[in-house]
């Protein structure tokens, strides 16, 4: 079965999310390894990194659920940014809007078929 080739913007977003995901995994797992103690914040960072990594990998395969996961991940970060500075909130919100536009408007053809699964 031939798979759709993702457009360049999807490839760029996917690679960024793969890198962010790997960084999150390292940032979440490193304190656990160092202290031999599992803390809630390390678990949250690890799960967040894994989520970003999975969405990035599967967006490269044009999996529809992966773009939803990507946008949900960014929306979560925008909501959490409410607790931080106004600048962080603005940046996360802007990135969320750009992701939604790119993944749901300009690149929608890549994600039309639901034949791509795990």
N, C-alpha and C. Protein backbone atom coordinates (compact mmCIF):
# COMPACT_ATOMS: atom_id res chain seq x y z
N UNK A 1 0.84 -1.17 0.00
CA UNK A 1 0.00 0.00 0.00
C UNK A 1 0.89 1.23 0.00
N UNK A 2 0.63 2.17 -0.89
CA UNK A 2 1.40 3.40 -0.96
C UNK A 2 0.92 4.37 0.11
N UNK A 3 1.88 5.00 0.74
CA UNK A 3 1.55 5.95 1.79
C UNK A 3 1.72 7.36 1.22
N UNK A 4 0.82 8.27 1.61
CA UNK A 4 0.97 9.67 1.21
C UNK A 4 2.30 10.21 1.74
N UNK A 5 2.95 11.01 0.95
CA UNK A 5 4.16 11.68 1.40
C UNK A 5 3.72 12.98 2.07
N UNK A 6 4.15 13.21 3.29
CA UNK A 6 3.71 14.44 3.96
C UNK A 6 4.33 15.67 3.31
N UNK A 7 3.59 16.78 3.30
CA UNK A 7 4.14 18.02 2.77
C UNK A 7 5.29 18.53 3.66
N UNK A 8 6.10 19.40 3.11
CA UNK A 8 7.27 19.93 3.82
C UNK A 8 6.91 20.53 5.19
N UNK A 9 5.84 21.33 5.32
CA UNK A 9 5.52 21.87 6.66
C UNK A 9 5.24 20.76 7.69
N UNK A 10 4.61 19.68 7.27
CA UNK A 10 4.34 18.56 8.19
C UNK A 10 5.65 17.87 8.56
N UNK A 11 6.55 17.74 7.60
CA UNK A 11 7.85 17.13 7.89
C UNK A 11 8.60 17.98 8.91
N UNK A 12 8.59 19.29 8.72
CA UNK A 12 9.29 20.19 9.65
C UNK A 12 8.69 20.09 11.05
N UNK A 13 7.36 20.15 11.14
CA UNK A 13 6.69 20.05 12.44
C UNK A 13 6.99 18.69 13.07
N UNK A 14 6.95 17.65 12.28
CA UNK A 14 7.21 16.30 12.80
C UNK A 14 8.62 16.19 13.37
N UNK A 15 9.60 16.69 12.64
CA UNK A 15 10.99 16.62 13.11
C UNK A 15 11.15 17.43 14.39
N UNK A 16 10.54 18.61 14.44
CA UNK A 16 10.61 19.43 15.66
C UNK A 16 9.99 18.68 16.83
N UNK A 17 8.84 18.05 16.61
CA UNK A 17 8.19 17.32 17.70
C UNK A 17 8.98 16.07 18.10
N UNK A 18 9.64 15.44 17.16
CA UNK A 18 10.50 14.30 17.50
C UNK A 18 11.66 14.77 18.39
N UNK A 19 12.28 15.88 18.02
CA UNK A 19 13.39 16.41 18.82
C UNK A 19 12.93 16.89 20.19
N UNK A 20 11.79 17.58 20.23
CA UNK A 20 11.23 18.02 21.52
C UNK A 20 10.88 16.81 22.38
N UNK A 21 10.31 15.80 21.75
CA UNK A 21 9.95 14.58 22.47
C UNK A 21 11.17 13.88 23.05
N UNK A 22 12.22 13.77 22.26
CA UNK A 22 13.46 13.15 22.76
C UNK A 22 14.03 13.97 23.92
N UNK A 23 14.00 15.30 23.78
CA UNK A 23 14.47 16.16 24.86
C UNK A 23 13.64 15.98 26.13
N UNK A 24 12.33 15.88 25.96
CA UNK A 24 11.45 15.66 27.10
C UNK A 24 11.69 14.33 27.78
N UNK A 25 11.92 13.31 26.98
CA UNK A 25 12.22 12.00 27.56
C UNK A 25 13.51 12.03 28.37
N UNK A 26 14.52 12.65 27.81
CA UNK A 26 15.80 12.76 28.52
C UNK A 26 15.64 13.58 29.79
N UNK A 27 14.94 14.72 29.68
CA UNK A 27 14.73 15.59 30.85
C UNK A 27 13.89 14.92 31.92
N UNK A 28 12.98 14.05 31.52
CA UNK A 28 12.14 13.37 32.50
C UNK A 28 12.79 12.16 33.13
N UNK A 29 13.56 11.43 32.34
CA UNK A 29 14.16 10.19 32.83
C UNK A 29 15.46 10.44 33.60
N UNK A 30 16.22 11.45 33.20
CA UNK A 30 17.51 11.72 33.84
C UNK A 30 17.41 11.90 35.36
N UNK A 31 16.47 12.70 35.88
CA UNK A 31 16.39 12.84 37.35
C UNK A 31 16.01 11.53 38.05
N UNK A 32 15.23 10.70 37.36
CA UNK A 32 14.85 9.41 37.96
C UNK A 32 16.08 8.52 38.07
N UNK A 33 16.89 8.50 37.03
CA UNK A 33 18.10 7.69 37.04
C UNK A 33 19.09 8.22 38.07
N UNK A 34 19.24 9.55 38.12
CA UNK A 34 20.21 10.17 39.02
C UNK A 34 19.85 9.97 40.49
N UNK A 35 18.59 10.16 40.84
CA UNK A 35 18.20 10.12 42.26
C UNK A 35 17.59 8.78 42.67
N UNK A 36 17.32 7.91 41.72
CA UNK A 36 16.65 6.63 41.99
C UNK A 36 15.31 6.84 42.69
N UNK A 37 14.69 7.98 42.40
CA UNK A 37 13.40 8.33 42.99
C UNK A 37 12.47 8.80 41.88
N UNK A 38 11.28 8.21 41.84
CA UNK A 38 10.30 8.60 40.84
C UNK A 38 9.44 9.71 41.44
N UNK A 39 9.53 10.89 40.81
CA UNK A 39 8.75 12.04 41.25
C UNK A 39 7.69 12.34 40.21
N UNK A 40 6.60 12.92 40.65
CA UNK A 40 5.49 13.22 39.76
C UNK A 40 5.90 14.14 38.61
N UNK A 41 6.70 15.17 38.90
CA UNK A 41 7.11 16.08 37.83
C UNK A 41 7.94 15.38 36.77
N UNK A 42 8.78 14.44 37.18
CA UNK A 42 9.57 13.68 36.20
C UNK A 42 8.68 12.77 35.35
N UNK A 43 7.67 12.20 35.95
CA UNK A 43 6.74 11.35 35.21
C UNK A 43 5.96 12.20 34.19
N UNK A 44 5.51 13.38 34.60
CA UNK A 44 4.75 14.25 33.70
C UNK A 44 5.63 14.68 32.51
N UNK A 45 6.87 15.05 32.78
CA UNK A 45 7.78 15.45 31.70
C UNK A 45 8.06 14.27 30.77
N UNK A 46 8.23 13.08 31.32
CA UNK A 46 8.47 11.88 30.51
C UNK A 46 7.28 11.57 29.62
N UNK A 47 6.08 11.60 30.18
CA UNK A 47 4.87 11.34 29.40
C UNK A 47 4.67 12.41 28.33
N UNK A 48 4.95 13.65 28.68
CA UNK A 48 4.84 14.73 27.71
C UNK A 48 5.83 14.53 26.56
N UNK A 49 7.05 14.16 26.89
CA UNK A 49 8.05 13.90 25.86
C UNK A 49 7.67 12.73 24.97
N UNK A 50 7.17 11.68 25.57
CA UNK A 50 6.73 10.51 24.80
C UNK A 50 5.57 10.88 23.87
N UNK A 51 4.67 11.70 24.37
CA UNK A 51 3.53 12.14 23.56
C UNK A 51 4.00 12.95 22.35
N UNK A 52 4.91 13.89 22.56
CA UNK A 52 5.44 14.68 21.45
C UNK A 52 6.18 13.79 20.46
N UNK A 53 6.98 12.86 20.97
CA UNK A 53 7.74 11.95 20.11
C UNK A 53 6.81 11.10 19.24
N UNK A 54 5.79 10.52 19.84
CA UNK A 54 4.85 9.69 19.09
C UNK A 54 4.09 10.50 18.04
N UNK A 55 3.66 11.69 18.41
CA UNK A 55 2.93 12.50 17.43
C UNK A 55 3.84 12.86 16.27
N UNK A 56 5.09 13.19 16.53
CA UNK A 56 6.02 13.53 15.46
C UNK A 56 6.29 12.36 14.54
N UNK A 57 6.53 11.20 15.11
CA UNK A 57 6.82 10.00 14.30
C UNK A 57 5.63 9.65 13.41
N UNK A 58 4.45 9.65 13.99
CA UNK A 58 3.29 9.20 13.23
C UNK A 58 2.71 10.27 12.32
N UNK A 59 3.02 11.54 12.56
CA UNK A 59 2.64 12.55 11.57
C UNK A 59 3.44 12.36 10.29
N UNK A 60 4.68 11.87 10.40
CA UNK A 60 5.46 11.56 9.21
C UNK A 60 4.80 10.45 8.38
N UNK A 61 4.00 9.62 9.05
CA UNK A 61 3.26 8.57 8.36
C UNK A 61 1.86 9.02 7.97
N UNK A 62 1.57 10.30 8.17
CA UNK A 62 0.26 10.90 7.86
C UNK A 62 -0.88 10.25 8.64
N UNK A 63 -0.61 9.83 9.85
CA UNK A 63 -1.67 9.27 10.71
C UNK A 63 -2.52 10.41 11.25
N UNK A 64 -3.82 10.36 10.98
CA UNK A 64 -4.73 11.44 11.38
C UNK A 64 -4.72 11.68 12.88
N UNK A 65 -4.70 10.60 13.67
CA UNK A 65 -4.74 10.75 15.12
C UNK A 65 -3.50 11.49 15.63
N UNK A 66 -2.39 11.39 14.90
CA UNK A 66 -1.14 12.01 15.35
C UNK A 66 -1.21 13.54 15.27
N UNK A 67 -1.90 14.06 14.25
CA UNK A 67 -2.02 15.52 14.20
C UNK A 67 -2.92 16.03 15.32
N UNK A 68 -3.96 15.27 15.65
CA UNK A 68 -4.81 15.63 16.78
C UNK A 68 -4.02 15.59 18.09
N UNK A 69 -3.19 14.58 18.24
CA UNK A 69 -2.36 14.45 19.43
C UNK A 69 -1.38 15.62 19.53
N UNK A 70 -0.81 16.01 18.41
CA UNK A 70 0.13 17.14 18.36
C UNK A 70 -0.56 18.43 18.81
N UNK A 71 -1.73 18.69 18.28
CA UNK A 71 -2.46 19.91 18.63
C UNK A 71 -2.92 19.84 20.09
N UNK A 72 -3.36 18.69 20.55
CA UNK A 72 -3.77 18.55 21.95
C UNK A 72 -2.58 18.78 22.88
N UNK A 73 -1.43 18.26 22.50
CA UNK A 73 -0.21 18.45 23.30
C UNK A 73 0.11 19.94 23.42
N UNK A 74 0.02 20.65 22.30
CA UNK A 74 0.32 22.08 22.32
C UNK A 74 -0.74 22.85 23.10
N UNK A 75 -2.01 22.45 22.97
CA UNK A 75 -3.08 23.10 23.73
C UNK A 75 -2.86 22.92 25.23
N UNK A 76 -2.42 21.74 25.64
CA UNK A 76 -2.10 21.49 27.04
C UNK A 76 -1.02 22.47 27.51
N UNK A 77 0.01 22.65 26.69
CA UNK A 77 1.08 23.56 27.07
C UNK A 77 0.59 25.01 27.12
N UNK A 78 -0.32 25.37 26.24
CA UNK A 78 -0.88 26.73 26.27
C UNK A 78 -1.67 26.94 27.57
N UNK A 79 -2.44 25.95 27.96
CA UNK A 79 -3.22 26.06 29.21
C UNK A 79 -2.29 26.15 30.41
N UNK A 80 -1.26 25.31 30.44
CA UNK A 80 -0.31 25.35 31.56
C UNK A 80 0.41 26.70 31.60
N UNK A 81 0.59 27.33 30.44
CA UNK A 81 1.27 28.63 30.37
C UNK A 81 0.50 29.73 31.08
N UNK A 82 -0.77 29.51 31.33
CA UNK A 82 -1.56 30.50 32.07
C UNK A 82 -0.93 30.73 33.45
N UNK A 83 -0.30 29.69 33.98
CA UNK A 83 0.33 29.79 35.30
C UNK A 83 1.70 30.46 35.25
N UNK A 84 2.20 30.74 34.06
CA UNK A 84 3.52 31.34 33.90
C UNK A 84 3.39 32.78 33.41
N UNK A 85 4.37 33.25 32.69
CA UNK A 85 4.35 34.64 32.25
C UNK A 85 3.40 34.83 31.06
N UNK A 86 3.01 36.07 30.86
CA UNK A 86 2.14 36.41 29.73
C UNK A 86 2.84 36.12 28.40
N UNK A 87 4.15 36.30 28.37
CA UNK A 87 4.92 36.02 27.15
C UNK A 87 4.86 34.53 26.81
N UNK A 88 5.03 33.67 27.80
CA UNK A 88 4.94 32.22 27.55
C UNK A 88 3.55 31.84 27.03
N UNK A 89 2.54 32.41 27.64
CA UNK A 89 1.17 32.14 27.19
C UNK A 89 0.99 32.59 25.75
N UNK A 90 1.47 33.77 25.42
CA UNK A 90 1.34 34.29 24.05
C UNK A 90 2.08 33.41 23.05
N UNK A 91 3.29 33.00 23.39
CA UNK A 91 4.08 32.16 22.48
C UNK A 91 3.41 30.81 22.27
N UNK A 92 3.00 30.15 23.36
CA UNK A 92 2.35 28.84 23.23
C UNK A 92 1.03 28.95 22.45
N UNK A 93 0.30 30.01 22.68
CA UNK A 93 -0.96 30.20 21.96
C UNK A 93 -0.71 30.43 20.47
N UNK A 94 0.29 31.24 20.15
CA UNK A 94 0.65 31.49 18.75
C UNK A 94 1.09 30.20 18.06
N UNK A 95 1.93 29.43 18.73
CA UNK A 95 2.38 28.15 18.16
C UNK A 95 1.19 27.22 17.96
N UNK A 96 0.27 27.19 18.90
CA UNK A 96 -0.93 26.35 18.78
C UNK A 96 -1.74 26.76 17.55
N UNK A 97 -1.93 28.04 17.34
CA UNK A 97 -2.70 28.52 16.18
C UNK A 97 -2.00 28.13 14.88
N UNK A 98 -0.69 28.32 14.82
CA UNK A 98 0.06 27.97 13.61
C UNK A 98 -0.02 26.47 13.35
N UNK A 99 0.15 25.66 14.39
CA UNK A 99 0.05 24.20 14.23
C UNK A 99 -1.33 23.81 13.69
N UNK A 100 -2.36 24.38 14.28
CA UNK A 100 -3.72 24.04 13.84
C UNK A 100 -3.94 24.42 12.38
N UNK A 101 -3.48 25.58 11.99
CA UNK A 101 -3.64 26.01 10.59
C UNK A 101 -2.88 25.08 9.65
N UNK A 102 -1.63 24.81 9.97
CA UNK A 102 -0.81 23.97 9.09
C UNK A 102 -1.35 22.55 9.04
N UNK A 103 -1.68 21.98 10.18
CA UNK A 103 -2.07 20.57 10.21
C UNK A 103 -3.51 20.32 9.77
N UNK A 104 -4.38 21.32 9.88
CA UNK A 104 -5.78 21.08 9.53
C UNK A 104 -6.25 21.80 8.28
N UNK A 105 -5.49 22.74 7.77
CA UNK A 105 -5.90 23.43 6.54
C UNK A 105 -4.96 23.11 5.40
N UNK A 106 -3.72 23.56 5.51
CA UNK A 106 -2.81 23.46 4.37
C UNK A 106 -2.34 22.04 4.10
N UNK A 107 -2.33 21.19 5.11
CA UNK A 107 -1.80 19.84 4.93
C UNK A 107 -2.86 18.76 5.10
N UNK A 108 -4.11 19.15 5.00
CA UNK A 108 -5.19 18.21 5.29
C UNK A 108 -5.20 17.00 4.37
N UNK A 109 -4.77 17.16 3.12
CA UNK A 109 -4.79 16.05 2.17
C UNK A 109 -3.91 14.89 2.63
N UNK A 110 -2.83 15.19 3.30
CA UNK A 110 -1.93 14.15 3.79
C UNK A 110 -2.63 13.24 4.79
N UNK A 111 -3.58 13.78 5.54
CA UNK A 111 -4.20 13.04 6.64
C UNK A 111 -5.58 12.49 6.30
N UNK A 112 -6.00 12.56 5.05
CA UNK A 112 -7.37 12.16 4.69
C UNK A 112 -7.65 10.69 4.89
N UNK A 113 -6.75 9.85 4.48
CA UNK A 113 -6.98 8.40 4.57
C UNK A 113 -6.72 7.93 5.99
N UNK A 114 -7.59 7.11 6.49
CA UNK A 114 -7.44 6.56 7.83
C UNK A 114 -6.78 5.18 7.79
N UNK A 115 -6.13 4.84 6.71
CA UNK A 115 -5.55 3.51 6.57
C UNK A 115 -4.22 3.37 7.28
N UNK A 116 -3.66 4.46 7.78
CA UNK A 116 -2.38 4.41 8.45
C UNK A 116 -2.59 4.20 9.94
N UNK A 117 -2.10 3.12 10.44
CA UNK A 117 -2.26 2.82 11.86
C UNK A 117 -0.91 2.49 12.46
N UNK A 118 -0.92 2.06 13.71
CA UNK A 118 0.30 1.70 14.39
C UNK A 118 0.94 0.57 13.63
